[in-house]
Amino acid sequence: SLKPEDTAVYYCNAGVLSDAYAPPRYLEVWGQGTLV
């Protein structure tokens, strides 16, 4: 039921615990976006 008001670039976000660090770090990772 999409509306014109939904028009936007949609971004994915992931809260990631990265074990590449010592101690592990919590990172916010963003995608490049997809246009709707």
PDB file of all heavy atoms in Angstrom:
ATOM      1  N   SER A   1       0.822  -1.210   0.000  1.00  0.00           N
ATOM      2  CA  SER A   1       0.000   0.000   0.000  1.00  0.00           C
ATOM      3  C   SER A   1       0.855   1.257   0.000  1.00  0.00           C
ATOM      4  O   SER A   1       0.644   2.185   0.788  1.00  0.00           O
ATOM      5  CB  SER A   1      -0.954  -0.009   1.203  1.00  0.00           C
ATOM      6  OG  SER A   1      -1.790  -1.144   1.190  1.00  0.00           O
ATOM      7  N   LEU A   2       1.816   1.280  -0.885  1.00  0.00           N
ATOM      8  CA  LEU A   2       2.761   2.390  -0.919  1.00  0.00           C
ATOM      9  C   LEU A   2       2.076   3.704  -1.277  1.00  0.00           C
ATOM     10  O   LEU A   2       1.140   3.743  -2.075  1.00  0.00           O
ATOM     11  CB  LEU A   2       3.879   2.093  -1.908  1.00  0.00           C
ATOM     12  CG  LEU A   2       4.924   1.098  -1.404  1.00  0.00           C
ATOM     13  CD1 LEU A   2       5.731   0.537  -2.559  1.00  0.00           C
ATOM     14  CD2 LEU A   2       5.842   1.774  -0.388  1.00  0.00           C
ATOM     15  N   LYS A   3       2.569   4.753  -0.669  1.00  0.00           N
ATOM     16  CA  LYS A   3       2.062   6.097  -0.880  1.00  0.00           C
ATOM     17  C   LYS A   3       3.165   6.977  -1.449  1.00  0.00           C
ATOM     18  O   LYS A   3       4.348   6.701  -1.244  1.00  0.00           O
ATOM     19  CB  LYS A   3       1.572   6.698   0.446  1.00  0.00           C
ATOM     20  CG  LYS A   3       0.530   5.878   1.175  1.00  0.00           C
ATOM     21  CD  LYS A   3       0.210   6.506   2.526  1.00  0.00           C
ATOM     22  CE  LYS A   3      -0.818   5.700   3.278  1.00  0.00           C
ATOM     23  NZ  LYS A   3      -1.112   6.306   4.611  1.00  0.00           N
ATOM     24  N   PRO A   4       2.803   8.051  -2.148  1.00  0.00           N
ATOM     25  CA  PRO A   4       3.838   8.969  -2.628  1.00  0.00           C
ATOM     26  C   PRO A   4       4.739   9.477  -1.508  1.00  0.00           C
ATOM     27  O   PRO A   4       5.923   9.738  -1.752  1.00  0.00           O
ATOM     28  CB  PRO A   4       3.030  10.102  -3.257  1.00  0.00           C
ATOM     29  CG  PRO A   4       1.772   9.451  -3.704  1.00  0.00           C
ATOM     30  CD  PRO A   4       1.468   8.415  -2.650  1.00  0.00           C
ATOM     31  N   GLU A   5       4.208   9.603  -0.315  1.00  0.00           N
ATOM     32  CA  GLU A   5       4.989  10.054   0.821  1.00  0.00           C
ATOM     33  C   GLU A   5       6.084   9.072   1.219  1.00  0.00           C
ATOM     34  O   GLU A   5       6.984   9.425   1.986  1.00  0.00           O
ATOM     35  CB  GLU A   5       4.083  10.303   2.041  1.00  0.00           C
ATOM     36  CG  GLU A   5       2.953  11.288   1.779  1.00  0.00           C
ATOM     37  CD  GLU A   5       1.688  10.600   1.325  1.00  0.00           C
ATOM     38  OE1 GLU A   5       1.558  10.340   0.108  1.00  0.00           O
ATOM     39  OE2 GLU A   5       0.825  10.314   2.186  1.00  0.00           O
ATOM     40  N   ASP A   6       6.017   7.841   0.722  1.00  0.00           N
ATOM     41  CA  ASP A   6       7.043   6.842   1.004  1.00  0.00           C
ATOM     42  C   ASP A   6       8.260   6.995   0.107  1.00  0.00           C
ATOM     43  O   ASP A   6       9.258   6.291   0.305  1.00  0.00           O
ATOM     44  CB  ASP A   6       6.477   5.434   0.840  1.00  0.00           C
ATOM     45  CG  ASP A   6       5.372   5.126   1.834  1.00  0.00           C
ATOM     46  OD1 ASP A   6       5.517   5.484   3.016  1.00  0.00           O
ATOM     47  OD2 ASP A   6       4.364   4.515   1.419  1.00  0.00           O
ATOM     48  N   THR A   7       8.187   7.858  -0.875  1.00  0.00           N
ATOM     49  CA  THR A   7       9.308   8.071  -1.780  1.00  0.00           C
ATOM     50  C   THR A   7      10.536   8.527  -1.002  1.00  0.00           C
ATOM     51  O   THR A   7      10.491   9.526  -0.288  1.00  0.00           O
ATOM     52  CB  THR A   7       8.956   9.102  -2.851  1.00  0.00           C
ATOM     53  OG1 THR A   7       7.899   8.595  -3.672  1.00  0.00           O
ATOM     54  CG2 THR A   7      10.161   9.408  -3.728  1.00  0.00           C
ATOM     55  N   ALA A   8      11.614   7.787  -1.144  1.00  0.00           N
ATOM     56  CA  ALA A   8      12.832   8.082  -0.404  1.00  0.00           C
ATOM     57  C   ALA A   8      13.920   7.106  -0.820  1.00  0.00           C
ATOM     58  O   ALA A   8      13.659   6.102  -1.487  1.00  0.00           O
ATOM     59  CB  ALA A   8      12.596   7.968   1.107  1.00  0.00           C
ATOM     60  N   VAL A   9      15.132   7.413  -0.404  1.00  0.00           N
ATOM     61  CA  VAL A   9      16.203   6.440  -0.448  1.00  0.00           C
ATOM     62  C   VAL A   9      16.145   5.649   0.846  1.00  0.00           C
ATOM     63  O   VAL A   9      16.156   6.230   1.938  1.00  0.00           O
ATOM     64  CB  VAL A   9      17.582   7.098  -0.613  1.00  0.00           C
ATOM     65  CG1 VAL A   9      18.689   6.048  -0.573  1.00  0.00           C
ATOM     66  CG2 VAL A   9      17.640   7.874  -1.923  1.00  0.00           C
ATOM     67  N   TYR A  10      16.067   4.343   0.728  1.00  0.00           N
ATOM     68  CA  TYR A  10      15.963   3.472   1.887  1.00  0.00           C
ATOM     69  C   TYR A  10      17.323   2.874   2.199  1.00  0.00           C
ATOM     70  O   TYR A  10      17.980   2.300   1.325  1.00  0.00           O
ATOM     71  CB  TYR A  10      14.934   2.370   1.637  1.00  0.00           C
ATOM     72  CG  TYR A  10      13.515   2.866   1.747  1.00  0.00           C
ATOM     73  CD1 TYR A  10      12.977   3.714   0.778  1.00  0.00           C
ATOM     74  CD2 TYR A  10      12.708   2.519   2.831  1.00  0.00           C
ATOM     75  CE1 TYR A  10      11.688   4.201   0.884  1.00  0.00           C
ATOM     76  CE2 TYR A  10      11.415   2.996   2.943  1.00  0.00           C
ATOM     77  CZ  TYR A  10      10.906   3.837   1.974  1.00  0.00           C
ATOM     78  OH  TYR A  10       9.624   4.306   2.084  1.00  0.00           O
ATOM     79  N   TYR A  11      17.729   3.006   3.448  1.00  0.00           N
ATOM     80  CA  TYR A  11      19.030   2.549   3.896  1.00  0.00           C
ATOM     81  C   TYR A  11      18.895   1.418   4.904  1.00  0.00           C
ATOM     82  O   TYR A  11      18.054   1.473   5.805  1.00  0.00           O
ATOM     83  CB  TYR A  11      19.808   3.688   4.559  1.00  0.00           C
ATOM     84  CG  TYR A  11      20.143   4.838   3.640  1.00  0.00           C
ATOM     85  CD1 TYR A  11      19.299   5.931   3.523  1.00  0.00           C
ATOM     86  CD2 TYR A  11      21.316   4.822   2.895  1.00  0.00           C
ATOM     87  CE1 TYR A  11      19.603   6.989   2.690  1.00  0.00           C
ATOM     88  CE2 TYR A  11      21.628   5.882   2.058  1.00  0.00           C
ATOM     89  CZ  TYR A  11      20.769   6.962   1.960  1.00  0.00           C
ATOM     90  OH  TYR A  11      21.085   8.011   1.130  1.00  0.00           O
ATOM     91  N   CYS A  12      19.733   0.429   4.757  1.00  0.00           N
ATOM     92  CA  CYS A  12      19.828  -0.651   5.721  1.00  0.00           C
ATOM     93  C   CYS A  12      20.871  -0.303   6.773  1.00  0.00           C
ATOM     94  O   CYS A  12      21.921   0.258   6.453  1.00  0.00           O
ATOM     95  CB  CYS A  12      20.205  -1.947   5.008  1.00  0.00           C
ATOM     96  SG  CYS A  12      20.370  -3.376   6.093  1.00  0.00           S
ATOM     97  N   ASN A  13      20.571  -0.629   8.003  1.00  0.00           N
ATOM     98  CA  ASN A  13      21.487  -0.406   9.108  1.00  0.00           C
ATOM     99  C   ASN A  13      21.636  -1.688   9.916  1.00  0.00           C
ATOM    100  O   ASN A  13      20.643  -2.356  10.207  1.00  0.00           O
ATOM    101  CB  ASN A  13      20.983   0.722  10.006  1.00  0.00           C
ATOM    102  CG  ASN A  13      21.826   0.896  11.250  1.00  0.00           C
ATOM    103  OD1 ASN A  13      21.513   0.339  12.312  1.00  0.00           O
ATOM    104  ND2 ASN A  13      22.886   1.674  11.136  1.00  0.00           N
ATOM    105  N   ALA A  14      22.856  -2.008  10.262  1.00  0.00           N
ATOM    106  CA  ALA A  14      23.125  -3.187  11.068  1.00  0.00           C
ATOM    107  C   ALA A  14      23.967  -2.819  12.271  1.00  0.00           C
ATOM    108  O   ALA A  14      24.986  -2.135  12.125  1.00  0.00           O
ATOM    109  CB  ALA A  14      23.831  -4.260  10.251  1.00  0.00           C
ATOM    110  N   GLY A  15      23.532  -3.240  13.439  1.00  0.00           N
ATOM    111  CA  GLY A  15      24.340  -3.137  14.630  1.00  0.00           C
ATOM    112  C   GLY A  15      25.225  -4.357  14.710  1.00  0.00           C
ATOM    113  O   GLY A  15      24.725  -5.471  14.871  1.00  0.00           O
ATOM    114  N   VAL A  16      26.522  -4.153  14.605  1.00  0.00           N
ATOM    115  CA  VAL A  16      27.461  -5.247  14.424  1.00  0.00           C
ATOM    116  C   VAL A  16      28.475  -5.264  15.561  1.00  0.00           C
ATOM    117  O   VAL A  16      29.050  -4.234  15.912  1.00  0.00           O
ATOM    118  CB  VAL A  16      28.205  -5.131  13.084  1.00  0.00           C
ATOM    119  CG1 VAL A  16      29.267  -6.218  12.955  1.00  0.00           C
ATOM    120  CG2 VAL A  16      27.219  -5.218  11.928  1.00  0.00           C
ATOM    121  N   LEU A  17      28.676  -6.433  16.135  1.00  0.00           N
ATOM    122  CA  LEU A  17      29.766  -6.652  17.068  1.00  0.00           C
ATOM    123  C   LEU A  17      30.917  -7.251  16.278  1.00  0.00           C
ATOM    124  O   LEU A  17      30.843  -8.396  15.829  1.00  0.00           O
ATOM    125  CB  LEU A  17      29.341  -7.574  18.204  1.00  0.00           C
ATOM    126  CG  LEU A  17      30.360  -7.752  19.331  1.00  0.00           C
ATOM    127  CD1 LEU A  17      30.575  -6.439  20.069  1.00  0.00           C
ATOM    128  CD2 LEU A  17      29.907  -8.836  20.301  1.00  0.00           C
ATOM    129  N   SER A  18      31.971  -6.472  16.115  1.00  0.00           N
ATOM    130  CA  SER A  18      33.091  -6.883  15.287  1.00  0.00           C
ATOM    131  C   SER A  18      34.195  -7.481  16.135  1.00  0.00           C
ATOM    132  O   SER A  18      34.747  -6.820  17.023  1.00  0.00           O
ATOM    133  CB  SER A  18      33.634  -5.701  14.493  1.00  0.00           C
ATOM    134  OG  SER A  18      34.802  -6.073  13.782  1.00  0.00           O
ATOM    135  N   ASP A  19      34.542  -8.716  15.846  1.00  0.00           N
ATOM    136  CA  ASP A  19      35.621  -9.396  16.548  1.00  0.00           C
ATOM    137  C   ASP A  19      36.980  -9.114  15.928  1.00  0.00           C
ATOM    138  O   ASP A  19      37.982  -9.706  16.330  1.00  0.00           O
ATOM    139  CB  ASP A  19      35.360 -10.904  16.554  1.00  0.00           C
ATOM    140  CG  ASP A  19      36.153 -11.633  17.622  1.00  0.00           C
ATOM    141  OD1 ASP A  19      36.328 -11.073  18.720  1.00  0.00           O
ATOM    142  OD2 ASP A  19      36.616 -12.757  17.360  1.00  0.00           O
ATOM    143  N   ALA A  20      37.023  -8.206  14.973  1.00  0.00           N
ATOM    144  CA  ALA A  20      38.297  -7.796  14.407  1.00  0.00           C
ATOM    145  C   ALA A  20      39.085  -6.910  15.365  1.00  0.00           C
ATOM    146  O   ALA A  20      40.269  -6.645  15.125  1.00  0.00           O
ATOM    147  CB  ALA A  20      38.075  -7.066  13.086  1.00  0.00           C
ATOM    148  N   TYR A  21      38.428  -6.459  16.412  1.00  0.00           N
ATOM    149  CA  TYR A  21      39.051  -5.610  17.410  1.00  0.00           C
ATOM    150  C   TYR A  21      39.195  -6.361  18.722  1.00  0.00           C
ATOM    151  O   TYR A  21      38.465  -7.312  18.990  1.00  0.00           O
ATOM    152  CB  TYR A  21      38.229  -4.338  17.634  1.00  0.00           C
ATOM    153  CG  TYR A  21      38.006  -3.513  16.394  1.00  0.00           C
ATOM    154  CD1 TYR A  21      36.914  -3.749  15.569  1.00  0.00           C
ATOM    155  CD2 TYR A  21      38.885  -2.492  16.046  1.00  0.00           C
ATOM    156  CE1 TYR A  21      36.707  -2.999  14.429  1.00  0.00           C
ATOM    157  CE2 TYR A  21      38.685  -1.738  14.909  1.00  0.00           C
ATOM    158  CZ  TYR A  21      37.594  -1.991  14.108  1.00  0.00           C
ATOM    159  OH  TYR A  21      37.388  -1.240  12.977  1.00  0.00           O
ATOM    160  N   ALA A  22      40.129  -5.915  19.533  1.00  0.00           N
ATOM    161  CA  ALA A  22      40.325  -6.482  20.864  1.00  0.00           C
ATOM    162  C   ALA A  22      40.315  -5.358  21.890  1.00  0.00           C
ATOM    163  O   ALA A  22      41.269  -4.577  21.962  1.00  0.00           O
ATOM    164  CB  ALA A  22      41.630  -7.259  20.920  1.00  0.00           C
ATOM    165  N   PRO A  23      39.295  -5.271  22.717  1.00  0.00           N
ATOM    166  CA  PRO A  23      38.101  -6.116  22.717  1.00  0.00           C
ATOM    167  C   PRO A  23      37.197  -5.833  21.519  1.00  0.00           C
ATOM    168  O   PRO A  23      37.393  -4.817  20.838  1.00  0.00           O
ATOM    169  CB  PRO A  23      37.414  -5.744  24.029  1.00  0.00           C
ATOM    170  CG  PRO A  23      37.797  -4.318  24.237  1.00  0.00           C
ATOM    171  CD  PRO A  23      39.231  -4.225  23.769  1.00  0.00           C
ATOM    172  N   PRO A  24      36.230  -6.689  21.273  1.00  0.00           N
ATOM    173  CA  PRO A  24      35.321  -6.459  20.148  1.00  0.00           C
ATOM    174  C   PRO A  24      34.619  -5.113  20.263  1.00  0.00           C
ATOM    175  O   PRO A  24      34.341  -4.626  21.361  1.00  0.00           O
ATOM    176  CB  PRO A  24      34.327  -7.622  20.258  1.00  0.00           C
ATOM    177  CG  PRO A  24      35.079  -8.689  20.977  1.00  0.00           C
ATOM    178  CD  PRO A  24      35.944  -7.959  21.963  1.00  0.00           C
ATOM    179  N   ARG A  25      34.349  -4.516  19.130  1.00  0.00           N
ATOM    180  CA  ARG A  25      33.680  -3.226  19.072  1.00  0.00           C
ATOM    181  C   ARG A  25      32.305  -3.342  18.457  1.00  0.00           C
ATOM    182  O   ARG A  25      32.089  -4.139  17.541  1.00  0.00           O
ATOM    183  CB  ARG A  25      34.507  -2.227  18.249  1.00  0.00           C
ATOM    184  CG  ARG A  25      35.834  -1.851  18.843  1.00  0.00           C
ATOM    185  CD  ARG A  25      36.498  -0.782  18.004  1.00  0.00           C
ATOM    186  NE  ARG A  25      37.829  -0.454  18.473  1.00  0.00           N
ATOM    187  CZ  ARG A  25      38.607   0.454  17.906  1.00  0.00           C
ATOM    188  NH1 ARG A  25      38.200   1.126  16.843  1.00  0.00           N
ATOM    189  NH2 ARG A  25      39.813   0.679  18.405  1.00  0.00           N
ATOM    190  N   TYR A  26      31.396  -2.527  18.978  1.00  0.00           N
ATOM    191  CA  TYR A  26      30.067  -2.443  18.407  1.00  0.00           C
ATOM    192  C   TYR A  26      30.060  -1.338  17.359  1.00  0.00           C
ATOM    193  O   TYR A  26      30.398  -0.189  17.650  1.00  0.00           O
ATOM    194  CB  TYR A  26      29.022  -2.156  19.480  1.00  0.00           C
ATOM    195  CG  TYR A  26      27.606  -2.165  18.960  1.00  0.00           C
ATOM    196  CD1 TYR A  26      26.939  -3.368  18.748  1.00  0.00           C
ATOM    197  CD2 TYR A  26      26.943  -0.978  18.677  1.00  0.00           C
ATOM    198  CE1 TYR A  26      25.643  -3.385  18.269  1.00  0.00           C
ATOM    199  CE2 TYR A  26      25.645  -0.995  18.196  1.00  0.00           C
ATOM    200  CZ  TYR A  26      25.003  -2.201  17.989  1.00  0.00           C
ATOM    201  OH  TYR A  26      23.712  -2.214  17.519  1.00  0.00           O
ATOM    202  N   LEU A  27      29.663  -1.691  16.152  1.00  0.00           N
ATOM    203  CA  LEU A  27      29.683  -0.770  15.033  1.00  0.00           C
ATOM    204  C   LEU A  27      28.297  -0.604  14.433  1.00  0.00           C
ATOM    205  O   LEU A  27      27.494  -1.533  14.441  1.00  0.00           O
ATOM    206  CB  LEU A  27      30.635  -1.262  13.937  1.00  0.00           C
ATOM    207  CG  LEU A  27      32.074  -1.576  14.337  1.00  0.00           C
ATOM    208  CD1 LEU A  27      32.812  -2.173  13.151  1.00  0.00           C
ATOM    209  CD2 LEU A  27      32.774  -0.319  14.825  1.00  0.00           C
ATOM    210  N   GLU A  28      28.040   0.570  13.919  1.00  0.00           N
ATOM    211  CA  GLU A  28      26.849   0.826  13.125  1.00  0.00           C
ATOM    212  C   GLU A  28      27.264   0.840  11.661  1.00  0.00           C
ATOM    213  O   GLU A  28      28.057   1.685  11.241  1.00  0.00           O
ATOM    214  CB  GLU A  28      26.207   2.151  13.513  1.00  0.00           C
ATOM    215  CG  GLU A  28      25.676   2.201  14.932  1.00  0.00           C
ATOM    216  CD  GLU A  28      24.403   1.401  15.112  1.00  0.00           C
ATOM    217  OE1 GLU A  28      23.715   1.133  14.104  1.00  0.00           O
ATOM    218  OE2 GLU A  28      24.086   1.043  16.263  1.00  0.00           O
ATOM    219  N   VAL A  29      26.729  -0.091  10.906  1.00  0.00           N
ATOM    220  CA  VAL A  29      27.104  -0.247   9.507  1.00  0.00           C
ATOM    221  C   VAL A  29      25.926   0.136   8.625  1.00  0.00           C
ATOM    222  O   VAL A  29      24.815  -0.373   8.813  1.00  0.00           O
ATOM    223  CB  VAL A  29      27.551  -1.688   9.207  1.00  0.00           C
ATOM    224  CG1 VAL A  29      27.979  -1.818   7.750  1.00  0.00           C
ATOM    225  CG2 VAL A  29      28.688  -2.088  10.131  1.00  0.00           C
ATOM    226  N   TRP A  30      26.169   1.009   7.687  1.00  0.00           N
ATOM    227  CA  TRP A  30      25.135   1.502   6.784  1.00  0.00           C
ATOM    228  C   TRP A  30      25.391   1.050   5.356  1.00  0.00           C
ATOM    229  O   TRP A  30      26.539   0.976   4.900  1.00  0.00           O
ATOM    230  CB  TRP A  30      25.084   3.034   6.800  1.00  0.00           C
ATOM    231  CG  TRP A  30      24.594   3.610   8.087  1.00  0.00           C
ATOM    232  CD1 TRP A  30      25.334   3.938   9.180  1.00  0.00           C
ATOM    233  CD2 TRP A  30      23.243   3.937   8.408  1.00  0.00           C
ATOM    234  NE1 TRP A  30      24.531   4.449  10.169  1.00  0.00           N
ATOM    235  CE2 TRP A  30      23.254   4.459   9.729  1.00  0.00           C
ATOM    236  CE3 TRP A  30      22.045   3.842   7.719  1.00  0.00           C
ATOM    237  CZ2 TRP A  30      22.081   4.885  10.362  1.00  0.00           C
ATOM    238  CZ3 TRP A  30      20.879   4.263   8.346  1.00  0.00           C
ATOM    239  CH2 TRP A  30      20.907   4.777   9.647  1.00  0.00           C
ATOM    240  N   GLY A  31      24.310   0.774   4.659  1.00  0.00           N
ATOM    241  CA  GLY A  31      24.402   0.464   3.245  1.00  0.00           C
ATOM    242  C   GLY A  31      24.394   1.722   2.403  1.00  0.00           C
ATOM    243  O   GLY A  31      24.296   2.845   2.909  1.00  0.00           O
ATOM    244  N   GLN A  32      24.489   1.527   1.106  1.00  0.00           N
ATOM    245  CA  GLN A  32      24.553   2.651   0.179  1.00  0.00           C
ATOM    246  C   GLN A  32      23.184   3.214  -0.171  1.00  0.00           C
ATOM    247  O   GLN A  32      23.091   4.308  -0.730  1.00  0.00           O
ATOM    248  CB  GLN A  32      25.279   2.233  -1.105  1.00  0.00           C
ATOM    249  CG  GLN A  32      24.421   1.521  -2.147  1.00  0.00           C
ATOM    250  CD  GLN A  32      24.011   0.110  -1.752  1.00  0.00           C
ATOM    251  OE1 GLN A  32      24.512  -0.467  -0.797  1.00  0.00           O
ATOM    252  NE2 GLN A  32      23.085  -0.457  -2.516  1.00  0.00           N
ATOM    253  N   GLY A  33      22.139   2.490   0.147  1.00  0.00           N
ATOM    254  CA  GLY A  33      20.785   2.935  -0.105  1.00  0.00           C
ATOM    255  C   GLY A  33      20.213   2.388  -1.397  1.00  0.00           C
ATOM    256  O   GLY A  33      20.933   2.085  -2.344  1.00  0.00           O
ATOM    257  N   THR A  34      18.898   2.247  -1.417  1.00  0.00           N
ATOM    258  CA  THR A  34      18.175   1.870  -2.624  1.00  0.00           C
ATOM    259  C   THR A  34      16.973   2.795  -2.761  1.00  0.00           C
ATOM    260  O   THR A  34      16.259   3.062  -1.796  1.00  0.00           O
ATOM    261  CB  THR A  34      17.754   0.387  -2.592  1.00  0.00           C
ATOM    262  OG1 THR A  34      17.154   0.024  -3.839  1.00  0.00           O
ATOM    263  CG2 THR A  34      16.786   0.101  -1.459  1.00  0.00           C
ATOM    264  N   LEU A  35      16.756   3.295  -3.962  1.00  0.00           N
ATOM    265  CA  LEU A  35      15.747   4.324  -4.185  1.00  0.00           C
ATOM    266  C   LEU A  35      14.381   3.710  -4.414  1.00  0.00           C
ATOM    267  O   LEU A  35      14.211   2.825  -5.260  1.00  0.00           O
ATOM    268  CB  LEU A  35      16.135   5.191  -5.388  1.00  0.00           C
ATOM    269  CG  LEU A  35      15.138   6.281  -5.800  1.00  0.00           C
ATOM    270  CD1 LEU A  35      14.966   7.307  -4.676  1.00  0.00           C
ATOM    271  CD2 LEU A  35      15.591   6.961  -7.075  1.00  0.00           C
ATOM    272  N   VAL A  36      13.404   4.203  -3.673  1.00  0.00           N
ATOM    273  CA  VAL A  36      12.008   3.839  -3.856  1.00  0.00           C
ATOM    274  C   VAL A  36      11.251   5.088  -4.279  1.00  0.00           C
ATOM    275  O   VAL A  36      11.269   6.097  -3.572  1.00  0.00           O
ATOM    276  CB  VAL A  36      11.393   3.262  -2.569  1.00  0.00           C
ATOM    277  CG1 VAL A  36       9.886   3.059  -2.734  1.00  0.00           C
ATOM    278  CG2 VAL A  36      12.067   1.960  -2.196  1.00  0.00           C
TER     279      VAL A  36
END
